[in-house]
């Protein structure tokens, strides 16, 4: 009977070791899963930021194009105004020359 107990004891120790290792492995798996969850959340946040940045860039490009068009219209209007003023000045000078002759 004592021999039977000695044979059972290593078996119990081995079982306890296996259970300890399994708890440790489960704990490591849980910690790894938590790290993975955190990384996935960070990735989702970064993806959302990237989308927002793309939207901001598109909006800024559209605003820049609109401003450029407005500026071109102002420049063209100013150029027309200068041309008109120059034309009137030239016409006035021609009239003065005709009057002098």
PDB file of N, CA and C in Angstrom:
ATOM      1  N   UNK A   1       0.821  -1.197   0.000  1.00  0.00           N
ATOM      2  CA  UNK A   1       0.000   0.000   0.000  1.00  0.00           C
ATOM      3  C   UNK A   1       0.862   1.257   0.000  1.00  0.00           C
ATOM      4  N   UNK A   2       1.979   1.231   0.727  1.00  0.00           N
ATOM      5  CA  UNK A   2       2.871   2.391   0.748  1.00  0.00           C
ATOM      6  C   UNK A   2       3.477   2.601  -0.622  1.00  0.00           C
ATOM      7  N   UNK A   3       3.759   1.537  -1.295  1.00  0.00           N
ATOM      8  CA  UNK A   3       4.313   1.653  -2.648  1.00  0.00           C
ATOM      9  C   UNK A   3       3.289   2.286  -3.568  1.00  0.00           C
ATOM     10  N   UNK A   4       2.030   1.940  -3.398  1.00  0.00           N
ATOM     11  CA  UNK A   4       0.957   2.512  -4.224  1.00  0.00           C
ATOM     12  C   UNK A   4       0.876   4.015  -3.989  1.00  0.00           C
ATOM     13  N   UNK A   5       0.993   4.476  -2.734  1.00  0.00           N
ATOM     14  CA  UNK A   5       0.948   5.903  -2.441  1.00  0.00           C
ATOM     15  C   UNK A   5       2.121   6.625  -3.072  1.00  0.00           C
ATOM     16  N   UNK A   6       3.289   6.011  -3.067  1.00  0.00           N
ATOM     17  CA  UNK A   6       4.467   6.634  -3.674  1.00  0.00           C
ATOM     18  C   UNK A   6       4.276   6.765  -5.186  1.00  0.00           C
ATOM     19  N   UNK A   7       3.609   5.786  -5.778  1.00  0.00           N
ATOM     20  CA  UNK A   7       3.362   5.878  -7.220  1.00  0.00           C
ATOM     21  C   UNK A   7       2.318   6.941  -7.529  1.00  0.00           C
ATOM     22  N   UNK A   8       1.333   7.107  -6.647  1.00  0.00           N
ATOM     23  CA  UNK A   8       0.297   8.115  -6.851  1.00  0.00           C
ATOM     24  C   UNK A   8       0.849   9.526  -6.646  1.00  0.00           C
ATOM     25  N   UNK A   9       1.782   9.693  -5.752  1.00  0.00           N
ATOM     26  CA  UNK A   9       2.315  11.020  -5.431  1.00  0.00           C
ATOM     27  C   UNK A   9       2.954  11.693  -6.634  1.00  0.00           C
ATOM     28  N   UNK A  10       3.855  11.028  -7.369  1.00  0.00           N
ATOM     29  CA  UNK A  10       4.417  11.701  -8.554  1.00  0.00           C
ATOM     30  C   UNK A  10       3.322  12.068  -9.546  1.00  0.00           C
ATOM     31  N   UNK A  11       2.314  11.266  -9.637  1.00  0.00           N
ATOM     32  CA  UNK A  11       1.221  11.540 -10.553  1.00  0.00           C
ATOM     33  C   UNK A  11       0.491  12.808 -10.115  1.00  0.00           C
ATOM     34  N   UNK A  12       0.252  12.980  -8.826  1.00  0.00           N
ATOM     35  CA  UNK A  12      -0.408  14.177  -8.311  1.00  0.00           C
ATOM     36  C   UNK A  12       0.469  15.413  -8.524  1.00  0.00           C
ATOM     37  N   UNK A  13       1.775  15.258  -8.294  1.00  0.00           N
ATOM     38  CA  UNK A  13       2.705  16.380  -8.505  1.00  0.00           C
ATOM     39  C   UNK A  13       2.720  16.787  -9.970  1.00  0.00           C
ATOM     40  N   UNK A  14       2.728  15.791 -10.836  1.00  0.00           N
ATOM     41  CA  UNK A  14       2.739  16.069 -12.269  1.00  0.00           C
ATOM     42  C   UNK A  14       1.455  16.776 -12.669  1.00  0.00           C
ATOM     43  N   UNK A  15       0.339  16.330 -12.151  1.00  0.00           N
ATOM     44  CA  UNK A  15      -0.948  16.961 -12.453  1.00  0.00           C
ATOM     45  C   UNK A  15      -0.954  18.414 -11.964  1.00  0.00           C
ATOM     46  N   UNK A  16      -0.430  18.656 -10.772  1.00  0.00           N
ATOM     47  CA  UNK A  16      -0.355  20.019 -10.222  1.00  0.00           C
ATOM     48  C   UNK A  16       0.536  20.895 -11.112  1.00  0.00           C
ATOM     49  N   UNK A  17       1.649  20.325 -11.582  1.00  0.00           N
ATOM     50  CA  UNK A  17       2.543  21.077 -12.474  1.00  0.00           C
ATOM     51  C   UNK A  17       1.838  21.431 -13.779  1.00  0.00           C
ATOM     52  N   UNK A  18       1.114  20.476 -14.324  1.00  0.00           N
ATOM     53  CA  UNK A  18       0.385  20.701 -15.582  1.00  0.00           C
ATOM     54  C   UNK A  18      -0.665  21.793 -15.385  1.00  0.00           C
ATOM     55  N   UNK A  19      -1.391  21.720 -14.263  1.00  0.00           N
ATOM     56  CA  UNK A  19      -2.404  22.741 -13.999  1.00  0.00           C
ATOM     57  C   UNK A  19      -1.766  24.118 -13.835  1.00  0.00           C
ATOM     58  N   UNK A  20      -0.643  24.187 -13.184  1.00  0.00           N
ATOM     59  CA  UNK A  20       0.080  25.453 -12.995  1.00  0.00           C
ATOM     60  C   UNK A  20       0.521  26.017 -14.347  1.00  0.00           C
ATOM     61  N   UNK A  21       1.057  25.159 -15.194  1.00  0.00           N
ATOM     62  CA  UNK A  21       1.492  25.588 -16.521  1.00  0.00           C
ATOM     63  C   UNK A  21       0.288  26.059 -17.344  1.00  0.00           C
ATOM     64  N   UNK A  22      -0.816  25.337 -17.247  1.00  0.00           N
ATOM     65  CA  UNK A  22      -2.013  25.720 -18.011  1.00  0.00           C
ATOM     66  C   UNK A  22      -2.538  27.079 -17.546  1.00  0.00           C
ATOM     67  N   UNK A  23      -2.529  27.317 -16.225  1.00  0.00           N
ATOM     68  CA  UNK A  23      -2.961  28.625 -15.715  1.00  0.00           C
ATOM     69  C   UNK A  23      -2.038  29.728 -16.232  1.00  0.00           C
ATOM     70  N   UNK A  24      -0.767  29.433 -16.234  1.00  0.00           N
ATOM     71  CA  UNK A  24       0.207  30.414 -16.717  1.00  0.00           C
ATOM     72  C   UNK A  24      -0.007  30.714 -18.204  1.00  0.00           C
ATOM     73  N   UNK A  25      -0.238  29.670 -18.981  1.00  0.00           N
ATOM     74  CA  UNK A  25      -0.470  29.838 -20.419  1.00  0.00           C
ATOM     75  C   UNK A  25      -1.760  30.625 -20.653  1.00  0.00           C
ATOM     76  N   UNK A  26      -2.811  30.290 -19.900  1.00  0.00           N
ATOM     77  CA  UNK A  26      -4.079  31.034 -20.033  1.00  0.00           C
ATOM     78  C   UNK A  26      -3.877  32.513 -19.703  1.00  0.00           C
ATOM     79  N   UNK A  27      -3.107  32.757 -18.674  1.00  0.00           N
ATOM     80  CA  UNK A  27      -2.833  34.137 -18.271  1.00  0.00           C
ATOM     81  C   UNK A  27      -2.073  34.884 -19.379  1.00  0.00           C
ATOM     82  N   UNK A  28      -1.099  34.228 -19.970  1.00  0.00           N
ATOM     83  CA  UNK A  28      -0.337  34.839 -21.070  1.00  0.00           C
ATOM     84  C   UNK A  28      -1.231  35.078 -22.288  1.00  0.00           C
ATOM     85  N   UNK A  29      -2.113  34.130 -22.565  1.00  0.00           N
ATOM     86  CA  UNK A  29      -3.043  34.286 -23.698  1.00  0.00           C
ATOM     87  C   UNK A  29      -3.955  35.485 -23.451  1.00  0.00           C
ATOM     88  N   UNK A  30      -4.460  35.592 -22.220  1.00  0.00           N
ATOM     89  CA  UNK A  30      -5.348  36.701 -21.879  1.00  0.00           C
ATOM     90  C   UNK A  30      -4.608  38.038 -22.029  1.00  0.00           C
ATOM     91  N   UNK A  31      -3.397  38.113 -21.532  1.00  0.00           N
ATOM     92  CA  UNK A  31      -2.602  39.347 -21.644  1.00  0.00           C
ATOM     93  C   UNK A  31      -2.331  39.678 -23.114  1.00  0.00           C
ATOM     94  N   UNK A  32      -2.011  38.667 -23.893  1.00  0.00           N
ATOM     95  CA  UNK A  32      -1.763  38.880 -25.329  1.00  0.00           C
ATOM     96  C   UNK A  32      -3.022  39.356 -26.030  1.00  0.00           C
ATOM     97  N   UNK A  33      -4.170  38.809 -25.667  1.00  0.00           N
ATOM     98  CA  UNK A  33      -5.447  39.220 -26.273  1.00  0.00           C
ATOM     99  C   UNK A  33      -5.747  40.675 -25.919  1.00  0.00           C
ATOM    100  N   UNK A  34      -5.449  41.047 -24.677  1.00  0.00           N
ATOM    101  CA  UNK A  34      -5.666  42.443 -24.283  1.00  0.00           C
ATOM    102  C   UNK A  34      -4.763  43.383 -25.083  1.00  0.00           C
ATOM    103  N   UNK A  35      -3.512  42.979 -25.258  1.00  0.00           N
ATOM    104  CA  UNK A  35      -2.591  43.791 -26.063  1.00  0.00           C
ATOM    105  C   UNK A  35      -3.084  43.894 -27.504  1.00  0.00           C
ATOM    106  N   UNK A  36      -3.584  42.797 -28.029  1.00  0.00           N
ATOM    107  CA  UNK A  36      -4.117  42.788 -29.388  1.00  0.00           C
ATOM    108  C   UNK A  36      -5.328  43.711 -29.494  1.00  0.00           C
ATOM    109  N   UNK A  37      -6.214  43.665 -28.498  1.00  0.00           N
ATOM    110  CA  UNK A  37      -7.389  44.541 -28.492  1.00  0.00           C
ATOM    111  C   UNK A  37      -6.972  46.007 -28.484  1.00  0.00           C
ATOM    112  N   UNK A  38      -5.989  46.338 -27.651  1.00  0.00           N
ATOM    113  CA  UNK A  38      -5.495  47.717 -27.583  1.00  0.00           C
ATOM    114  C   UNK A  38      -4.916  48.128 -28.938  1.00  0.00           C
ATOM    115  N   UNK A  39      -4.128  47.265 -29.535  1.00  0.00           N
ATOM    116  CA  UNK A  39      -3.518  47.576 -30.832  1.00  0.00           C
ATOM    117  C   UNK A  39      -4.588  47.758 -31.908  1.00  0.00           C
ATOM    118  N   UNK A  40      -5.617  46.917 -31.889  1.00  0.00           N
ATOM    119  CA  UNK A  40      -6.702  47.042 -32.869  1.00  0.00           C
ATOM    120  C   UNK A  40      -7.461  48.353 -32.683  1.00  0.00           C
ATOM    121  N   UNK A  41      -7.680  48.746 -31.433  1.00  0.00           N
ATOM    122  CA  UNK A  41      -8.345  50.029 -31.156  1.00  0.00           C
ATOM    123  C   UNK A  41      -7.500  51.198 -31.656  1.00  0.00           C
ATOM    124  N   UNK A  42      -6.196  51.134 -31.394  1.00  0.00           N
ATOM    125  CA  UNK A  42      -5.301  52.197 -31.862  1.00  0.00           C
ATOM    126  C   UNK A  42      -5.303  52.262 -33.388  1.00  0.00           C
ATOM    127  N   UNK A  43      -5.313  51.112 -34.020  1.00  0.00           N
ATOM    128  CA  UNK A  43      -5.347  51.064 -35.483  1.00  0.00           C
ATOM    129  C   UNK A  43      -6.644  51.669 -36.016  1.00  0.00           C
ATOM    130  N   UNK A  44      -7.747  51.379 -35.364  1.00  0.00           N
ATOM    131  CA  UNK A  44      -9.035  51.946 -35.778  1.00  0.00           C
ATOM    132  C   UNK A  44      -9.023  53.467 -35.637  1.00  0.00           C
ATOM    133  N   UNK A  45      -8.450  53.955 -34.543  1.00  0.00           N
ATOM    134  CA  UNK A  45      -8.350  55.409 -34.341  1.00  0.00           C
ATOM    135  C   UNK A  45      -7.482  56.029 -35.431  1.00  0.00           C
ATOM    136  N   UNK A  46      -6.369  55.392 -35.738  1.00  0.00           N
ATOM    137  CA  UNK A  46      -5.476  55.913 -36.785  1.00  0.00           C
ATOM    138  C   UNK A  46      -6.153  55.903 -38.149  1.00  0.00           C
ATOM    139  N   UNK A  47      -6.911  54.864 -38.436  1.00  0.00           N
ATOM    140  CA  UNK A  47      -7.632  54.794 -39.712  1.00  0.00           C
ATOM    141  C   UNK A  47      -8.664  55.916 -39.799  1.00  0.00           C
ATOM    142  N   UNK A  48      -9.330  56.184 -38.688  1.00  0.00           N
ATOM    143  CA  UNK A  48     -10.312  57.265 -38.660  1.00  0.00           C
ATOM    144  C   UNK A  48      -9.624  58.617 -38.860  1.00  0.00           C
ATOM    145  N   UNK A  49      -8.482  58.798 -38.220  1.00  0.00           N
ATOM    146  CA  UNK A  49      -7.721  60.048 -38.401  1.00  0.00           C
ATOM    147  C   UNK A  49      -7.270  60.201 -39.850  1.00  0.00           C
ATOM    148  N   UNK A  50      -6.840  59.099 -40.448  1.00  0.00           N
ATOM    149  CA  UNK A  50      -6.407  59.152 -41.844  1.00  0.00           C
ATOM    150  C   UNK A  50      -7.558  59.595 -42.744  1.00  0.00           C
ATOM    151  N   UNK A  51      -8.745  59.029 -42.523  1.00  0.00           N
ATOM    152  CA  UNK A  51      -9.913  59.423 -43.314  1.00  0.00           C
ATOM    153  C   UNK A  51     -10.220  60.898 -43.126  1.00  0.00           C
ATOM    154  N   UNK A  52     -10.118  61.370 -41.884  1.00  0.00           N
ATOM    155  CA  UNK A  52     -10.399  62.779 -41.599  1.00  0.00           C
ATOM    156  C   UNK A  52      -9.375  63.668 -42.303  1.00  0.00           C
ATOM    157  N   UNK A  53      -8.114  63.240 -42.286  1.00  0.00           N
ATOM    158  CA  UNK A  53      -7.068  64.024 -42.958  1.00  0.00           C
ATOM    159  C   UNK A  53      -7.303  64.085 -44.462  1.00  0.00           C
ATOM    160  N   UNK A  54      -7.720  62.963 -45.051  1.00  0.00           N
ATOM    161  CA  UNK A  54      -8.020  62.963 -46.489  1.00  0.00           C
ATOM    162  C   UNK A  54      -9.177  63.917 -46.783  1.00  0.00           C
ATOM    163  N   UNK A  55     -10.186  63.892 -45.929  1.00  0.00           N
ATOM    164  CA  UNK A  55     -11.327  64.792 -46.112  1.00  0.00           C
ATOM    165  C   UNK A  55     -10.886  66.248 -45.961  1.00  0.00           C
ATOM    166  N   UNK A  56     -10.029  66.515 -44.979  1.00  0.00           N
ATOM    167  CA  UNK A  56      -9.522  67.876 -44.782  1.00  0.00           C
ATOM    168  C   UNK A  56      -8.714  68.344 -45.982  1.00  0.00           C
ATOM    169  N   UNK A  57      -7.874  67.468 -46.517  1.00  0.00           N
ATOM    170  CA  UNK A  57      -7.066  67.819 -47.687  1.00  0.00           C
ATOM    171  C   UNK A  57      -7.967  68.132 -48.878  1.00  0.00           C
ATOM    172  N   UNK A  58      -8.977  67.305 -49.100  1.00  0.00           N
ATOM    173  CA  UNK A  58      -9.903  67.531 -50.219  1.00  0.00           C
ATOM    174  C   UNK A  58     -10.630  68.865 -50.041  1.00  0.00           C
ATOM    175  N   UNK A  59     -11.053  69.142 -48.817  1.00  0.00           N
ATOM    176  CA  UNK A  59     -11.753  70.405 -48.541  1.00  0.00           C
ATOM    177  C   UNK A  59     -10.822  71.592 -48.779  1.00  0.00           C
ATOM    178  N   UNK A  60      -9.590  71.484 -48.285  1.00  0.00           N
ATOM    179  CA  UNK A  60      -8.631  72.584 -48.458  1.00  0.00           C
ATOM    180  C   UNK A  60      -8.274  72.791 -49.929  1.00  0.00           C
ATOM    181  N   UNK A  61      -8.160  71.708 -50.676  1.00  0.00           N
ATOM    182  CA  UNK A  61      -7.883  71.840 -52.109  1.00  0.00           C
ATOM    183  C   UNK A  61      -9.041  72.534 -52.818  1.00  0.00           C
ATOM    184  N   UNK A  62     -10.264  72.176 -52.451  1.00  0.00           N
ATOM    185  CA  UNK A  62     -11.436  72.810 -53.055  1.00  0.00           C
ATOM    186  C   UNK A  62     -11.480  74.296 -52.703  1.00  0.00           C
ATOM    187  N   UNK A  63     -11.193  74.621 -51.456  1.00  0.00           N
ATOM    188  CA  UNK A  63     -11.165  76.028 -51.034  1.00  0.00           C
ATOM    189  C   UNK A  63     -10.068  76.788 -51.779  1.00  0.00           C
ATOM    190  N   UNK A  64      -8.901  76.167 -51.921  1.00  0.00           N
ATOM    191  CA  UNK A  64      -7.795  76.819 -52.624  1.00  0.00           C
ATOM    192  C   UNK A  64      -8.157  77.064 -54.088  1.00  0.00           C
ATOM    193  N   UNK A  65      -8.800  76.088 -54.709  1.00  0.00           N
ATOM    194  CA  UNK A  65      -9.213  76.259 -56.108  1.00  0.00           C
ATOM    195  C   UNK A  65     -10.231  77.389 -56.240  1.00  0.00           C
ATOM    196  N   UNK A  66     -11.172  77.457 -55.316  1.00  0.00           N
ATOM    197  CA  UNK A  66     -12.177  78.523 -55.351  1.00  0.00           C
ATOM    198  C   UNK A  66     -11.515  79.883 -55.154  1.00  0.00           C
ATOM    199  N   UNK A  67     -10.586  79.982 -54.219  1.00  0.00           N
ATOM    200  CA  UNK A  67      -9.867  81.248 -53.980  1.00  0.00           C
ATOM    201  C   UNK A  67      -9.057  81.638 -55.212  1.00  0.00           C
ATOM    202  N   UNK A  68      -8.435  80.639 -55.832  1.00  0.00           N
ATOM    203  CA  UNK A  68      -7.635  80.909 -57.034  1.00  0.00           C
ATOM    204  C   UNK A  68      -8.528  81.467 -58.145  1.00  0.00           C
ATOM    205  N   UNK A  69      -9.700  80.874 -58.315  1.00  0.00           N
ATOM    206  CA  UNK A  69     -10.629  81.362 -59.337  1.00  0.00           C
ATOM    207  C   UNK A  69     -11.083  82.782 -59.023  1.00  0.00           C
ATOM    208  N   UNK A  70     -11.379  83.044 -57.757  1.00  0.00           N
ATOM    209  CA  UNK A  70     -11.771  84.396 -57.360  1.00  0.00           C
ATOM    210  C   UNK A  70     -10.645  85.386 -57.643  1.00  0.00           C
ATOM    211  N   UNK A  71      -9.443  85.005 -57.300  1.00  0.00           N
ATOM    212  CA  UNK A  71      -8.285  85.876 -57.517  1.00  0.00           C
ATOM    213  C   UNK A  71      -8.079  86.138 -59.002  1.00  0.00           C
ATOM    214  N   UNK A  72      -8.241  85.097 -59.808  1.00  0.00           N
ATOM    215  CA  UNK A  72      -8.091  85.285 -61.257  1.00  0.00           C
ATOM    216  C   UNK A  72      -9.155  86.250 -61.787  1.00  0.00           C
ATOM    217  N   UNK A  73     -10.368  86.162 -61.274  1.00  0.00           N
ATOM    218  CA  UNK A  73     -11.427  87.076 -61.696  1.00  0.00           C
ATOM    219  C   UNK A  73     -11.083  88.517 -61.308  1.00  0.00           C
ATOM    220  N   UNK A  74     -10.548  88.691 -60.099  1.00  0.00           N
ATOM    221  CA  UNK A  74     -10.142  90.026 -59.655  1.00  0.00           C
ATOM    222  C   UNK A  74      -9.018  90.556 -60.541  1.00  0.00           C
ATOM    223  N   UNK A  75      -8.040  89.712 -60.831  1.00  0.00           N
ATOM    224  CA  UNK A  75      -6.915  90.130 -61.676  1.00  0.00           C
ATOM    225  C   UNK A  75      -7.410  90.489 -63.077  1.00  0.00           C
ATOM    226  N   UNK A  76      -8.299  89.656 -63.628  1.00  0.00           N
ATOM    227  CA  UNK A  76      -8.832  89.944 -64.967  1.00  0.00           C
ATOM    228  C   UNK A  76      -9.634  91.241 -64.967  1.00  0.00           C
ATOM    229  N   UNK A  77     -10.425  91.466 -63.916  1.00  0.00           N
ATOM    230  CA  UNK A  77     -11.199  92.708 -63.823  1.00  0.00           C
ATOM    231  C   UNK A  77     -10.264  93.905 -63.715  1.00  0.00           C
ATOM    232  N   UNK A  78      -9.208  93.766 -62.936  1.00  0.00           N
ATOM    233  CA  UNK A  78      -8.233  94.853 -62.803  1.00  0.00           C
ATOM    234  C   UNK A  78      -7.537  95.109 -64.132  1.00  0.00           C
ATOM    235  N   UNK A  79      -7.183  94.053 -64.832  1.00  0.00           N
ATOM    236  CA  UNK A  79      -6.533  94.210 -66.136  1.00  0.00           C
ATOM    237  C   UNK A  79      -7.480  94.889 -67.121  1.00  0.00           C
ATOM    238  N   UNK A  80      -8.746  94.493 -67.125  1.00  0.00           N
ATOM    239  CA  UNK A  80      -9.742  95.140 -67.991  1.00  0.00           C
ATOM    240  C   UNK A  80      -9.873  96.614 -67.640  1.00  0.00           C
ATOM    241  N   UNK A  81      -9.890  96.902 -66.345  1.00  0.00           N
ATOM    242  CA  UNK A  81     -10.005  98.287 -65.895  1.00  0.00           C
ATOM    243  C   UNK A  81      -8.805  99.112 -66.350  1.00  0.00           C
ATOM    244  N   UNK A  82      -7.620  98.527 -66.238  1.00  0.00           N
ATOM    245  CA  UNK A  82      -6.404  99.218 -66.688  1.00  0.00           C
ATOM    246  C   UNK A  82      -6.454  99.425 -68.206  1.00  0.00           C
ATOM    247  N   UNK A  83      -6.892  98.400 -68.944  1.00  0.00           N
ATOM    248  CA  UNK A  83      -7.008  98.525 -70.403  1.00  0.00           C
ATOM    249  C   UNK A  83      -8.003  99.625 -70.778  1.00  0.00           C
ATOM    250  N   UNK A  84      -9.137  99.643 -70.060  1.00  0.00           N
ATOM    251  CA  UNK A  84     -10.149 100.668 -70.338  1.00  0.00           C
ATOM    252  C   UNK A  84      -9.599 102.060 -70.046  1.00  0.00           C
ATOM    253  N   UNK A  85      -8.914 102.197 -68.930  1.00  0.00           N
ATOM    254  CA  UNK A  85      -8.339 103.496 -68.570  1.00  0.00           C
ATOM    255  C   UNK A  85      -7.300 103.910 -69.598  1.00  0.00           C
ATOM    256  N   UNK A  86      -6.478 102.968 -70.026  1.00  0.00           N
ATOM    257  CA  UNK A  86      -5.448 103.278 -71.031  1.00  0.00           C
ATOM    258  C   UNK A  86      -6.108 103.662 -72.352  1.00  0.00           C
ATOM    259  N   UNK A  87      -7.178 102.954 -72.707  1.00  0.00           N
ATOM    260  CA  UNK A  87      -7.898 103.273 -73.944  1.00  0.00           C
ATOM    261  C   UNK A  87      -8.508 104.666 -73.886  1.00  0.00           C
ATOM    262  N   UNK A  88      -9.086 105.023 -72.770  1.00  0.00           N
ATOM    263  CA  UNK A  88      -9.671 106.360 -72.615  1.00  0.00           C
ATOM    264  C   UNK A  88      -8.592 107.432 -72.666  1.00  0.00           C
ATOM    265  N   UNK A  89      -7.469 107.138 -72.029  1.00  0.00           N
ATOM    266  CA  UNK A  89      -6.353 108.096 -72.011  1.00  0.00           C
ATOM    267  C   UNK A  89      -5.841 108.297 -73.433  1.00  0.00           C
ATOM    268  N   UNK A  90      -5.719 107.209 -74.158  1.00  0.00           N
ATOM    269  CA  UNK A  90      -5.229 107.280 -75.533  1.00  0.00           C
ATOM    270  C   UNK A  90      -6.218 108.066 -76.398  1.00  0.00           C
ATOM    271  N   UNK A  91      -7.493 107.794 -76.206  1.00  0.00           N
ATOM    272  CA  UNK A  91      -8.523 108.506 -76.961  1.00  0.00           C
ATOM    273  C   UNK A  91      -8.494 110.001 -76.636  1.00  0.00           C
ATOM    274  N   UNK A  92      -8.311 110.323 -75.378  1.00  0.00           N
ATOM    275  CA  UNK A  92      -8.246 111.714 -74.960  1.00  0.00           C
ATOM    276  C   UNK A  92      -7.034 112.408 -75.587  1.00  0.00           C
ATOM    277  N   UNK A  93      -5.888 111.705 -75.591  1.00  0.00           N
ATOM    278  CA  UNK A  93      -4.679 112.274 -76.197  1.00  0.00           C
ATOM    279  C   UNK A  93      -4.886 112.498 -77.694  1.00  0.00           C
ATOM    280  N   UNK A  94      -5.542 111.541 -78.354  1.00  0.00           N
ATOM    281  CA  UNK A  94      -5.798 111.706 -79.795  1.00  0.00           C
ATOM    282  C   UNK A  94      -6.698 112.906 -80.050  1.00  0.00           C
ATOM    283  N   UNK A  95      -7.702 113.074 -79.178  1.00  0.00           N
ATOM    284  CA  UNK A  95      -8.608 114.216 -79.326  1.00  0.00           C
ATOM    285  C   UNK A  95      -7.849 115.528 -79.116  1.00  0.00           C
ATOM    286  N   UNK A  96      -6.948 115.540 -78.145  1.00  0.00           N
ATOM    287  CA  UNK A  96      -6.174 116.752 -77.888  1.00  0.00           C
ATOM    288  C   UNK A  96      -5.273 117.077 -79.086  1.00  0.00           C
ATOM    289  N   UNK A  97      -4.687 116.036 -79.664  1.00  0.00           N
ATOM    290  CA  UNK A  97      -3.810 116.252 -80.824  1.00  0.00           C
ATOM    291  C   UNK A  97      -4.629 116.803 -82.005  1.00  0.00           C
ATOM    292  N   UNK A  98      -5.825 116.281 -82.177  1.00  0.00           N
ATOM    293  CA  UNK A  98      -6.684 116.751 -83.274  1.00  0.00           C
ATOM    294  C   UNK A  98      -7.074 118.199 -83.030  1.00  0.00           C
ATOM    295  N   UNK A  99      -7.335 118.561 -81.828  1.00  0.00           N
ATOM    296  CA  UNK A  99      -7.741 119.930 -81.512  1.00  0.00           C
ATOM    297  C   UNK A  99      -6.574 120.891 -81.721  1.00  0.00           C
ATOM    298  N   UNK A 100      -5.369 120.423 -81.470  1.00  0.00           N
ATOM    299  CA  UNK A 100      -4.205 121.266 -81.643  1.00  0.00           C
ATOM    300  C   UNK A 100      -3.896 121.491 -83.124  1.00  0.00           C
ATOM    301  N   UNK A 101      -4.315 120.598 -83.925  1.00  0.00           N
ATOM    302  CA  UNK A 101      -4.002 120.741 -85.351  1.00  0.00           C
ATOM    303  C   UNK A 101      -5.007 121.561 -86.011  1.00  0.00           C
TER     304      UNK A 101
END
